[in-house]
Amino acid sequence: MSRWTSQEILEALSGLDEARLDDDFLDLRTDEYRLIRYPQHLLSPTLPAAQVVWSNTSRLLDLVFSEVSSQVANWDLDAIHWWVSNGTLPLETEAYLISHGGTITDTYWVLARDLDEDIVAQRRRSVNIDVKLVDDEAKLRDAIALETVGWGRTAPDEVTIDISLRETLRNLDNSSEFQFLAYLDGHPASTGYCQITGEIARLYGGVTLPQFRSQGCYQAVLFNRLHQARVLGAKIAITRGRPSTSGHILVDAGFSVHNIENCYRMPIC
């Protein structure tokens, strides 16, 4: 039994979500919602440009939607992606989105696992999988190449890669964030990040190339992230996972589900 309640886990994740974004994001926050315009270089089929990541309002939803739509239209975009969960208010927000043409495009589980035991010691190792900490330029370039294909993104330029390398090394120095990369038979196959904030390890950015799925690569990266987080003093790991992909792998690794988040694409007329 975890000493963390579901409410504490969701509040912890919300606090991490509220962290300040880099300057290339457009981050519009009000007392009723948070609207983010993601930078072009991060966009992919699974990461749309304009997203309402949370909303909590007592105003008429018609008024709030009109306000958000106007802002998104000013960005020359034709749709909003609106996230809802059991913390969204009013409770009829999801029904409103559906009745106004919203179509579900994504679903996440919010998952968590105590780090009171070392999961690495429990897993079966594969002689074909080699997991490395991303701690130099060569491995960073391998990881970036994998992410570019895996997420369907535009490849970064050399300036961006140089910035990423300096950030990676700085984060390793202060033990605030790290990334692991799994090679299968010498080929970059899967990667994922972990951010450390006090007792909390936030896992994110996990991706495995299609040709390497169902071979233990994601699990190998996951177990190494959990082990390293535990070494750095984290007591709990929190993440999001799609039920269609990583969600069930995480459950099999001892994670429990604490919330469901659905995303709706809302066209702007």
Protein backbone atom coordinates (compact mmCIF):
# COMPACT_ATOMS: atom_id res chain seq x y z
CA MET A 1 0.00 0.00 0.00
CA SER A 2 1.46 3.35 -1.06
CA ARG A 3 1.81 6.08 1.54
CA TRP A 4 0.80 8.49 -1.24
CA THR A 5 -2.93 8.97 -1.80
CA SER A 6 -4.34 9.45 -5.30
CA GLN A 7 -5.10 13.07 -4.46
CA GLU A 8 -1.51 13.69 -3.35
CA ILE A 9 -0.19 12.08 -6.52
CA LEU A 10 -2.43 14.20 -8.74
CA GLU A 11 -1.53 17.36 -6.84
CA ALA A 12 2.17 16.54 -7.16
CA LEU A 13 1.85 16.01 -10.90
CA SER A 14 -0.16 19.21 -11.25
CA GLY A 15 2.60 21.11 -9.47
CA LEU A 16 5.19 19.70 -11.87
CA ASP A 17 2.96 20.54 -14.83
CA GLU A 18 2.78 24.15 -13.68
CA ALA A 19 6.52 24.65 -13.97
CA ARG A 20 7.59 27.52 -16.17
CA LEU A 21 8.14 26.58 -19.80
CA ASP A 22 10.98 27.68 -22.05
CA ASP A 23 10.69 30.97 -23.91
CA ASP A 24 9.77 29.29 -27.21
CA PHE A 25 6.42 28.20 -25.72
CA LEU A 26 3.43 30.55 -25.63
CA ASP A 27 1.88 29.94 -22.22
CA LEU A 28 -1.42 31.70 -21.52
CA ARG A 29 -2.61 31.21 -17.95
CA THR A 30 -5.78 32.52 -16.36
CA ASP A 31 -7.64 31.57 -13.20
CA GLU A 32 -9.90 29.38 -15.37
CA TYR A 33 -7.61 27.59 -17.81
CA ARG A 34 -4.12 27.16 -19.17
CA LEU A 35 -3.61 27.37 -22.94
CA ILE A 36 -0.24 26.39 -24.41
CA ARG A 37 1.05 26.96 -27.93
CA TYR A 38 3.84 24.45 -28.44
CA PRO A 39 6.89 25.41 -30.53
CA GLN A 40 7.05 24.12 -34.08
CA HIS A 41 10.10 21.92 -33.53
CA LEU A 42 8.24 19.83 -30.92
CA LEU A 43 5.06 19.25 -32.93
CA SER A 44 4.24 15.73 -34.03
CA PRO A 45 1.16 13.63 -34.81
CA THR A 46 0.79 13.07 -31.05
CA LEU A 47 1.66 16.62 -29.92
CA PRO A 48 -0.70 19.20 -31.48
CA ALA A 49 0.06 22.90 -31.46
CA ALA A 50 -2.63 24.47 -29.24
CA GLN A 51 -3.75 22.69 -26.08
CA VAL A 52 -5.93 23.61 -23.11
CA VAL A 53 -4.12 21.45 -20.57
CA TRP A 54 -6.59 22.15 -17.75
CA SER A 55 -9.77 24.13 -17.20
CA ASN A 56 -11.82 24.99 -14.14
CA THR A 57 -14.49 27.62 -14.63
CA SER A 58 -17.87 28.70 -13.33
CA ARG A 59 -18.60 30.79 -16.42
CA LEU A 60 -20.73 29.58 -19.30
CA LEU A 61 -18.66 27.21 -21.41
CA ASP A 62 -19.77 29.02 -24.57
CA LEU A 63 -18.02 32.15 -23.32
CA VAL A 64 -14.83 30.35 -22.30
CA PHE A 65 -14.65 28.40 -25.56
CA SER A 66 -15.18 31.58 -27.59
CA GLU A 67 -12.40 33.33 -25.67
CA VAL A 68 -9.95 30.46 -26.19
CA SER A 69 -10.95 30.07 -29.85
CA SER A 70 -10.20 33.72 -30.54
CA GLN A 71 -6.71 33.36 -29.12
CA VAL A 72 -6.00 30.19 -31.09
CA ALA A 73 -7.31 31.79 -34.28
CA ASN A 74 -4.83 34.63 -33.72
CA TRP A 75 -2.11 31.96 -33.93
CA ASP A 76 -3.44 30.98 -37.40
CA LEU A 77 -4.51 27.56 -36.18
CA ASP A 78 -7.77 25.81 -37.00
CA ALA A 79 -8.28 23.65 -33.91
CA ILE A 80 -7.91 23.49 -30.14
CA HIS A 81 -7.02 20.30 -28.29
CA TRP A 82 -8.81 20.33 -24.93
CA TRP A 83 -7.87 17.99 -22.08
CA VAL A 84 -10.43 16.81 -19.53
CA SER A 85 -10.11 14.63 -16.44
CA ASN A 86 -11.96 14.04 -13.19
CA GLY A 87 -10.51 17.36 -11.98
CA THR A 88 -12.06 19.39 -14.82
CA LEU A 89 -14.88 21.77 -13.91
CA PRO A 90 -17.68 22.11 -14.70
CA LEU A 91 -18.36 18.37 -14.79
CA GLU A 92 -20.24 18.72 -18.07
CA THR A 93 -17.16 20.04 -19.92
CA GLU A 94 -16.54 16.73 -21.69
CA ALA A 95 -20.17 16.47 -22.79
CA TYR A 96 -19.99 20.07 -24.03
CA LEU A 97 -16.91 19.36 -26.12
CA ILE A 98 -18.50 16.28 -27.68
CA SER A 99 -21.78 18.07 -28.44
CA HIS A 100 -19.88 20.89 -30.16
CA GLY A 101 -18.00 18.67 -32.56
CA GLY A 102 -15.12 17.52 -30.38
CA THR A 103 -13.52 14.22 -31.31
CA ILE A 104 -11.30 12.29 -28.93
CA THR A 105 -7.70 12.16 -30.15
CA ASP A 106 -5.71 10.92 -27.18
CA THR A 107 -6.03 9.30 -23.77
CA TYR A 108 -3.55 9.12 -20.92
CA TRP A 109 -3.49 7.26 -17.66
CA VAL A 110 -1.81 9.01 -14.73
CA LEU A 111 0.27 6.32 -13.03
CA ALA A 112 2.50 6.10 -9.97
CA ARG A 113 4.73 3.58 -8.22
CA ASP A 114 6.52 3.66 -4.89
CA LEU A 115 10.30 3.25 -5.12
CA ASP A 116 10.69 1.27 -1.92
CA GLU A 117 12.39 -1.60 -3.73
CA ASP A 118 14.88 -1.82 -6.58
CA ILE A 119 13.00 -3.02 -9.65
CA VAL A 120 16.21 -3.47 -11.67
CA ALA A 121 17.20 -6.40 -9.47
CA GLN A 122 13.88 -8.09 -10.26
CA ARG A 123 13.89 -7.95 -14.06
CA ARG A 124 15.23 -10.51 -16.50
CA ARG A 125 18.10 -9.11 -18.52
CA SER A 126 18.48 -9.54 -22.27
CA VAL A 127 21.96 -10.05 -23.69
CA ASN A 128 20.86 -8.19 -26.83
CA ILE A 129 19.80 -5.00 -25.02
CA ASP A 130 22.41 -2.53 -23.79
CA VAL A 131 21.10 0.43 -21.78
CA LYS A 132 23.25 3.56 -21.54
CA LEU A 133 22.96 6.81 -19.62
CA VAL A 134 22.95 9.68 -22.12
CA ASP A 135 26.04 11.52 -20.91
CA ASP A 136 27.98 12.52 -24.03
CA GLU A 137 27.45 13.92 -27.51
CA ALA A 138 27.48 10.57 -29.32
CA LYS A 139 24.70 9.06 -27.23
CA LEU A 140 22.75 12.34 -27.29
CA ARG A 141 22.84 12.34 -31.09
CA ASP A 142 21.66 8.73 -31.14
CA ALA A 143 18.79 9.64 -28.82
CA ILE A 144 17.82 12.70 -30.86
CA ALA A 145 17.82 10.68 -34.09
CA LEU A 146 15.59 8.08 -32.42
CA GLU A 147 13.19 10.73 -31.07
CA THR A 148 12.99 12.50 -34.43
CA VAL A 149 11.77 9.32 -36.10
CA GLY A 150 9.80 7.98 -33.15
CA TRP A 151 7.81 11.17 -32.58
CA GLY A 152 7.63 12.24 -36.22
CA ARG A 153 9.36 15.54 -35.52
CA THR A 154 11.58 17.76 -37.60
CA ALA A 155 15.27 17.06 -37.01
CA PRO A 156 16.94 19.77 -34.87
CA ASP A 157 19.76 21.92 -36.21
CA GLU A 158 23.30 21.94 -34.85
CA VAL A 159 22.67 24.95 -32.60
CA THR A 160 19.75 23.15 -30.94
CA ILE A 161 21.82 20.00 -30.50
CA ASP A 162 24.62 21.98 -28.88
CA ILE A 163 22.14 23.60 -26.46
CA SER A 164 20.66 20.18 -25.67
CA LEU A 165 24.10 18.78 -24.92
CA ARG A 166 24.94 21.57 -22.50
CA GLU A 167 21.56 21.19 -20.78
CA THR A 168 21.99 17.42 -20.55
CA LEU A 169 25.40 17.70 -18.91
CA ARG A 170 24.25 20.45 -16.55
CA ASN A 171 21.23 18.37 -15.46
CA LEU A 172 23.47 15.37 -14.81
CA ASP A 173 25.83 17.51 -12.74
CA ASN A 174 23.04 18.71 -10.45
CA SER A 175 21.14 15.37 -10.50
CA SER A 176 17.93 17.06 -11.62
CA GLU A 177 17.25 15.14 -14.84
CA PHE A 178 18.64 12.27 -16.87
CA GLN A 179 17.91 10.15 -19.95
CA PHE A 180 18.55 6.51 -20.75
CA LEU A 181 18.94 4.99 -24.20
CA ALA A 182 18.54 1.30 -25.03
CA TYR A 183 20.43 -0.28 -27.92
CA LEU A 184 19.17 -3.54 -29.39
CA ASP A 185 21.92 -5.43 -31.19
CA GLY A 186 23.80 -2.12 -31.38
CA HIS A 187 20.91 -0.07 -32.80
CA PRO A 188 19.26 2.80 -30.85
CA ALA A 189 15.84 1.36 -30.02
CA SER A 190 14.18 3.11 -27.07
CA THR A 191 14.70 6.10 -24.81
CA GLY A 192 13.10 7.95 -21.91
CA TYR A 193 13.73 10.76 -19.43
CA CYS A 194 13.37 11.24 -15.69
CA GLN A 195 13.15 14.53 -13.78
CA ILE A 196 13.92 14.57 -10.05
CA THR A 197 12.09 17.03 -7.80
CA GLY A 198 12.61 16.24 -4.14
CA GLU A 199 11.07 12.82 -3.45
CA ILE A 200 9.32 12.71 -6.83
CA ALA A 201 10.67 11.15 -10.00
CA ARG A 202 8.72 12.21 -13.04
CA LEU A 203 9.11 9.89 -16.01
CA TYR A 204 8.43 11.32 -19.46
CA GLY A 205 9.42 11.20 -23.11
CA GLY A 206 9.46 7.42 -23.45
CA VAL A 207 9.49 6.26 -27.06
CA THR A 208 10.46 3.03 -28.83
CA LEU A 209 10.92 2.69 -32.57
CA PRO A 210 8.23 0.45 -34.12
CA GLN A 211 10.66 -2.20 -35.36
CA PHE A 212 12.01 -2.70 -31.83
CA ARG A 213 8.73 -2.92 -29.92
CA SER A 214 7.67 -5.98 -27.92
CA GLN A 215 11.31 -6.96 -27.37
CA GLY A 216 11.86 -5.55 -23.88
CA CYS A 217 13.51 -2.26 -24.86
CA TYR A 218 10.95 0.04 -23.25
CA GLN A 219 11.04 -2.04 -20.06
CA ALA A 220 14.83 -1.89 -19.95
CA VAL A 221 14.81 1.91 -20.16
CA LEU A 222 12.00 2.07 -17.60
CA PHE A 223 13.78 -0.11 -15.05
CA ASN A 224 17.01 1.83 -15.38
CA ARG A 225 15.19 5.12 -14.87
CA LEU A 226 13.50 3.79 -11.74
CA HIS A 227 16.78 2.47 -10.39
CA GLN A 228 18.60 5.74 -10.96
CA ALA A 229 15.73 7.75 -9.47
CA ARG A 230 15.88 5.60 -6.35
CA VAL A 231 19.65 6.09 -6.12
CA LEU A 232 19.09 9.87 -6.26
CA GLY A 233 16.65 9.72 -3.34
CA ALA A 234 13.26 9.68 -5.05
CA LYS A 235 10.50 7.85 -3.15
CA ILE A 236 7.82 7.71 -5.84
CA ALA A 237 7.70 7.69 -9.65
CA ILE A 238 4.83 9.48 -11.42
CA THR A 239 4.13 9.45 -15.13
CA ARG A 240 1.52 9.44 -17.87
CA GLY A 241 1.05 6.51 -20.22
CA ARG A 242 -1.29 5.76 -23.07
CA PRO A 243 -3.41 2.69 -22.37
CA SER A 244 -2.83 1.62 -25.98
CA THR A 245 0.98 1.61 -25.63
CA SER A 246 3.00 2.08 -22.45
CA GLY A 247 0.15 2.07 -19.95
CA HIS A 248 -0.13 -1.69 -19.58
CA ILE A 249 3.66 -2.10 -19.48
CA LEU A 250 3.76 0.35 -16.58
CA VAL A 251 0.98 -1.49 -14.75
CA ASP A 252 2.87 -4.76 -15.21
CA ALA A 253 5.90 -3.01 -13.66
CA GLY A 254 3.97 -2.19 -10.50
CA PHE A 255 2.42 1.18 -11.35
CA SER A 256 -1.17 1.94 -10.40
CA VAL A 257 -3.64 4.14 -12.29
CA HIS A 258 -4.86 7.28 -10.49
CA ASN A 259 -6.61 9.29 -13.19
CA ILE A 260 -7.71 9.19 -16.83
CA GLU A 261 -7.18 12.20 -19.10
CA ASN A 262 -8.93 12.52 -22.46
CA CYS A 263 -8.07 15.02 -25.20
CA TYR A 264 -10.66 16.37 -27.65
CA ARG A 265 -9.92 18.12 -30.92
CA MET A 266 -12.22 21.11 -31.26
CA PRO A 267 -12.44 22.75 -34.70
CA ILE A 268 -12.51 26.54 -34.81
CA CYS A 269 -15.30 27.72 -37.09
